[in-house]
Each structure stands twice: as C-alpha cells, then as structure tokens.
Amino acid sequence: MLRRVKLSDAEEAATVFNLLMGNDVAPRKDFIVENADDLDRERIDA
C-alpha cells in the first residue's frame, strides 16, 4: 500500500509521538482515555 505523506503529516506524527512517548504522564493518560472508544480491537496483536 502506498500513501502520500506530507510535511504536515510528519509534524502531526511528531506531536503525537511526543505526547505518547514523552515524560509528561498526564497528557498521555488523557489522550488514551479520550480515544479509547475509537480503538479497533481487531487490529491489536494477540
């Protein structure tokens, strides 16, 4: 599968990466709680 990647995509990815992998726990927890309903459980490795 090919996908077109734009600079804005990279900037957004960097922001999310820093949110999920950064040292500040509170925003990470908030993000996970807010987006838990959007999780596709079929795509999780068992």
PDB file of N, CA and C in Angstrom:
ATOM      1  N   MET A   1       0.847  -1.161   0.000  1.00  0.00           N
ATOM      2  CA  MET A   1       0.000   0.000   0.000  1.00  0.00           C
ATOM      3  C   MET A   1       0.899   1.233   0.000  1.00  0.00           C
ATOM      4  N   LEU A   2       0.605   2.167  -0.848  1.00  0.00           N
ATOM      5  CA  LEU A   2       1.332   3.424  -0.896  1.00  0.00           C
ATOM      6  C   LEU A   2       0.468   4.529  -0.316  1.00  0.00           C
ATOM      7  N   ARG A   3       1.091   5.393   0.438  1.00  0.00           N
ATOM      8  CA  ARG A   3       0.381   6.544   0.989  1.00  0.00           C
ATOM      9  C   ARG A   3       1.213   7.788   0.753  1.00  0.00           C
ATOM     10  N   ARG A   4       0.547   8.847   0.404  1.00  0.00           N
ATOM     11  CA  ARG A   4       1.226  10.118   0.226  1.00  0.00           C
ATOM     12  C   ARG A   4       1.442  10.731   1.612  1.00  0.00           C
ATOM     13  N   VAL A   5       2.665  11.115   1.892  1.00  0.00           N
ATOM     14  CA  VAL A   5       2.998  11.715   3.177  1.00  0.00           C
ATOM     15  C   VAL A   5       3.400  13.157   2.936  1.00  0.00           C
ATOM     16  N   LYS A   6       2.788  14.060   3.690  1.00  0.00           N
ATOM     17  CA  LYS A   6       3.085  15.481   3.565  1.00  0.00           C
ATOM     18  C   LYS A   6       3.801  15.949   4.826  1.00  0.00           C
ATOM     19  N   LEU A   7       4.439  17.088   4.753  1.00  0.00           N
ATOM     20  CA  LEU A   7       5.141  17.639   5.888  1.00  0.00           C
ATOM     21  C   LEU A   7       4.198  17.827   7.072  1.00  0.00           C
ATOM     22  N   SER A   8       2.977  18.244   6.813  1.00  0.00           N
ATOM     23  CA  SER A   8       2.022  18.430   7.917  1.00  0.00           C
ATOM     24  C   SER A   8       1.738  17.102   8.610  1.00  0.00           C
ATOM     25  N   ASP A   9       1.750  15.992   7.854  1.00  0.00           N
ATOM     26  CA  ASP A   9       1.574  14.670   8.455  1.00  0.00           C
ATOM     27  C   ASP A   9       2.728  14.357   9.395  1.00  0.00           C
ATOM     28  N   ALA A  10       3.935  14.680   8.973  1.00  0.00           N
ATOM     29  CA  ALA A  10       5.119  14.421   9.798  1.00  0.00           C
ATOM     30  C   ALA A  10       5.085  15.264  11.066  1.00  0.00           C
ATOM     31  N   GLU A  11       4.643  16.501  10.948  1.00  0.00           N
ATOM     32  CA  GLU A  11       4.557  17.374  12.121  1.00  0.00           C
ATOM     33  C   GLU A  11       3.524  16.841  13.114  1.00  0.00           C
ATOM     34  N   GLU A  12       2.383  16.409  12.611  1.00  0.00           N
ATOM     35  CA  GLU A  12       1.351  15.854  13.481  1.00  0.00           C
ATOM     36  C   GLU A  12       1.831  14.552  14.116  1.00  0.00           C
ATOM     37  N   ALA A  13       2.501  13.718  13.341  1.00  0.00           N
ATOM     38  CA  ALA A  13       3.038  12.464  13.873  1.00  0.00           C
ATOM     39  C   ALA A  13       4.050  12.737  14.982  1.00  0.00           C
ATOM     40  N   ALA A  14       4.897  13.731  14.800  1.00  0.00           N
ATOM     41  CA  ALA A  14       5.881  14.083  15.828  1.00  0.00           C
ATOM     42  C   ALA A  14       5.193  14.563  17.090  1.00  0.00           C
ATOM     43  N   THR A  15       4.125  15.321  16.941  1.00  0.00           N
ATOM     44  CA  THR A  15       3.374  15.803  18.100  1.00  0.00           C
ATOM     45  C   THR A  15       2.756  14.650  18.869  1.00  0.00           C
ATOM     46  N   VAL A  16       2.123  13.719  18.150  1.00  0.00           N
ATOM     47  CA  VAL A  16       1.500  12.564  18.803  1.00  0.00           C
ATOM     48  C   VAL A  16       2.569  11.662  19.421  1.00  0.00           C
ATOM     49  N   PHE A  17       3.673  11.473  18.717  1.00  0.00           N
ATOM     50  CA  PHE A  17       4.764  10.658  19.254  1.00  0.00           C
ATOM     51  C   PHE A  17       5.271  11.243  20.566  1.00  0.00           C
ATOM     52  N   ASN A  18       5.493  12.544  20.596  1.00  0.00           N
ATOM     53  CA  ASN A  18       5.956  13.197  21.821  1.00  0.00           C
ATOM     54  C   ASN A  18       4.917  13.093  22.931  1.00  0.00           C
ATOM     55  N   LEU A  19       3.649  13.176  22.570  1.00  0.00           N
ATOM     56  CA  LEU A  19       2.586  13.036  23.559  1.00  0.00           C
ATOM     57  C   LEU A  19       2.601  11.634  24.171  1.00  0.00           C
ATOM     58  N   LEU A  20       2.721  10.611  23.323  1.00  0.00           N
ATOM     59  CA  LEU A  20       2.634   9.234  23.804  1.00  0.00           C
ATOM     60  C   LEU A  20       3.935   8.714  24.412  1.00  0.00           C
ATOM     61  N   MET A  21       5.061   9.233  23.996  1.00  0.00           N
ATOM     62  CA  MET A  21       6.346   8.715  24.465  1.00  0.00           C
ATOM     63  C   MET A  21       7.094   9.682  25.374  1.00  0.00           C
ATOM     64  N   GLY A  22       6.526  10.860  25.602  1.00  0.00           N
ATOM     65  CA  GLY A  22       7.216  11.874  26.400  1.00  0.00           C
ATOM     66  C   GLY A  22       7.184  11.562  27.891  1.00  0.00           C
ATOM     67  N   ASN A  23       7.821  12.419  28.652  1.00  0.00           N
ATOM     68  CA  ASN A  23       7.940  12.235  30.095  1.00  0.00           C
ATOM     69  C   ASN A  23       6.717  12.696  30.873  1.00  0.00           C
ATOM     70  N   ASP A  24       5.863  13.508  30.254  1.00  0.00           N
ATOM     71  CA  ASP A  24       4.692  14.052  30.938  1.00  0.00           C
ATOM     72  C   ASP A  24       3.542  13.049  30.853  1.00  0.00           C
ATOM     73  N   VAL A  25       3.184  12.450  31.982  1.00  0.00           N
ATOM     74  CA  VAL A  25       2.214  11.352  32.009  1.00  0.00           C
ATOM     75  C   VAL A  25       0.770  11.831  31.859  1.00  0.00           C
ATOM     76  N   ALA A  26       0.401  12.940  32.478  1.00  0.00           N
ATOM     77  CA  ALA A  26      -0.999  13.381  32.494  1.00  0.00           C
ATOM     78  C   ALA A  26      -1.592  13.560  31.088  1.00  0.00           C
ATOM     79  N   PRO A  27      -0.922  14.249  30.166  1.00  0.00           N
ATOM     80  CA  PRO A  27      -1.499  14.377  28.816  1.00  0.00           C
ATOM     81  C   PRO A  27      -1.619  13.040  28.098  1.00  0.00           C
ATOM     82  N   ARG A  28      -0.666  12.140  28.330  1.00  0.00           N
ATOM     83  CA  ARG A  28      -0.720  10.807  27.711  1.00  0.00           C
ATOM     84  C   ARG A  28      -1.948  10.056  28.205  1.00  0.00           C
ATOM     85  N   LYS A  29      -2.180  10.083  29.508  1.00  0.00           N
ATOM     86  CA  LYS A  29      -3.342   9.400  30.085  1.00  0.00           C
ATOM     87  C   LYS A  29      -4.631   9.999  29.535  1.00  0.00           C
ATOM     88  N   ASP A  30      -4.711  11.316  29.473  1.00  0.00           N
ATOM     89  CA  ASP A  30      -5.906  11.977  28.933  1.00  0.00           C
ATOM     90  C   ASP A  30      -6.157  11.560  27.491  1.00  0.00           C
ATOM     91  N   PHE A  31      -5.095  11.510  26.679  1.00  0.00           N
ATOM     92  CA  PHE A  31      -5.217  11.111  25.278  1.00  0.00           C
ATOM     93  C   PHE A  31      -5.759   9.693  25.163  1.00  0.00           C
ATOM     94  N   ILE A  32      -5.205   8.789  25.958  1.00  0.00           N
ATOM     95  CA  ILE A  32      -5.632   7.385  25.905  1.00  0.00           C
ATOM     96  C   ILE A  32      -7.094   7.249  26.324  1.00  0.00           C
ATOM     97  N   VAL A  33      -7.473   7.913  27.394  1.00  0.00           N
ATOM     98  CA  VAL A  33      -8.851   7.830  27.876  1.00  0.00           C
ATOM     99  C   VAL A  33      -9.817   8.417  26.852  1.00  0.00           C
ATOM    100  N   GLU A  34      -9.475   9.555  26.268  1.00  0.00           N
ATOM    101  CA  GLU A  34     -10.354  10.223  25.303  1.00  0.00           C
ATOM    102  C   GLU A  34     -10.513   9.420  24.011  1.00  0.00           C
ATOM    103  N   ASN A  35      -9.500   8.650  23.637  1.00  0.00           N
ATOM    104  CA  ASN A  35      -9.527   7.941  22.357  1.00  0.00           C
ATOM    105  C   ASN A  35      -9.769   6.444  22.489  1.00  0.00           C
ATOM    106  N   ALA A  36     -10.040   5.959  23.675  1.00  0.00           N
ATOM    107  CA  ALA A  36     -10.215   4.523  23.893  1.00  0.00           C
ATOM    108  C   ALA A  36     -11.409   3.964  23.106  1.00  0.00           C
ATOM    109  N   ASP A  37     -12.454   4.737  22.941  1.00  0.00           N
ATOM    110  CA  ASP A  37     -13.631   4.252  22.216  1.00  0.00           C
ATOM    111  C   ASP A  37     -13.372   4.077  20.723  1.00  0.00           C
ATOM    112  N   ASP A  38     -12.346   4.747  20.195  1.00  0.00           N
ATOM    113  CA  ASP A  38     -12.026   4.661  18.769  1.00  0.00           C
ATOM    114  C   ASP A  38     -11.126   3.464  18.449  1.00  0.00           C
ATOM    115  N   LEU A  39     -10.716   2.731  19.449  1.00  0.00           N
ATOM    116  CA  LEU A  39      -9.798   1.614  19.269  1.00  0.00           C
ATOM    117  C   LEU A  39     -10.461   0.476  18.508  1.00  0.00           C
ATOM    118  N   ASP A  40      -9.790  -0.005  17.474  1.00  0.00           N
ATOM    119  CA  ASP A  40     -10.245  -1.165  16.719  1.00  0.00           C
ATOM    120  C   ASP A  40      -9.585  -2.395  17.322  1.00  0.00           C
ATOM    121  N   ARG A  41     -10.282  -3.089  18.176  1.00  0.00           N
ATOM    122  CA  ARG A  41      -9.712  -4.213  18.907  1.00  0.00           C
ATOM    123  C   ARG A  41      -9.255  -5.345  17.998  1.00  0.00           C
ATOM    124  N   GLU A  42      -9.759  -5.400  16.775  1.00  0.00           N
ATOM    125  CA  GLU A  42      -9.360  -6.421  15.806  1.00  0.00           C
ATOM    126  C   GLU A  42      -7.925  -6.210  15.318  1.00  0.00           C
ATOM    127  N   ARG A  43      -7.409  -4.981  15.443  1.00  0.00           N
ATOM    128  CA  ARG A  43      -6.070  -4.678  14.940  1.00  0.00           C
ATOM    129  C   ARG A  43      -4.982  -4.841  15.988  1.00  0.00           C
ATOM    130  N   ILE A  44      -5.346  -5.242  17.193  1.00  0.00           N
ATOM    131  CA  ILE A  44      -4.375  -5.432  18.274  1.00  0.00           C
ATOM    132  C   ILE A  44      -3.757  -6.818  18.141  1.00  0.00           C
ATOM    133  N   ASP A  45      -2.440  -6.876  18.239  1.00  0.00           N
ATOM    134  CA  ASP A  45      -1.763  -8.179  18.208  1.00  0.00           C
ATOM    135  C   ASP A  45      -2.086  -8.943  19.468  1.00  0.00           C
ATOM    136  N   ALA A  46      -2.362 -10.219  19.318  1.00  0.00           N
ATOM    137  CA  ALA A  46      -2.704 -11.056  20.479  1.00  0.00           C
ATOM    138  C   ALA A  46      -1.467 -11.617  21.131  1.00  0.00           C
TER     139      ALA A  46
END
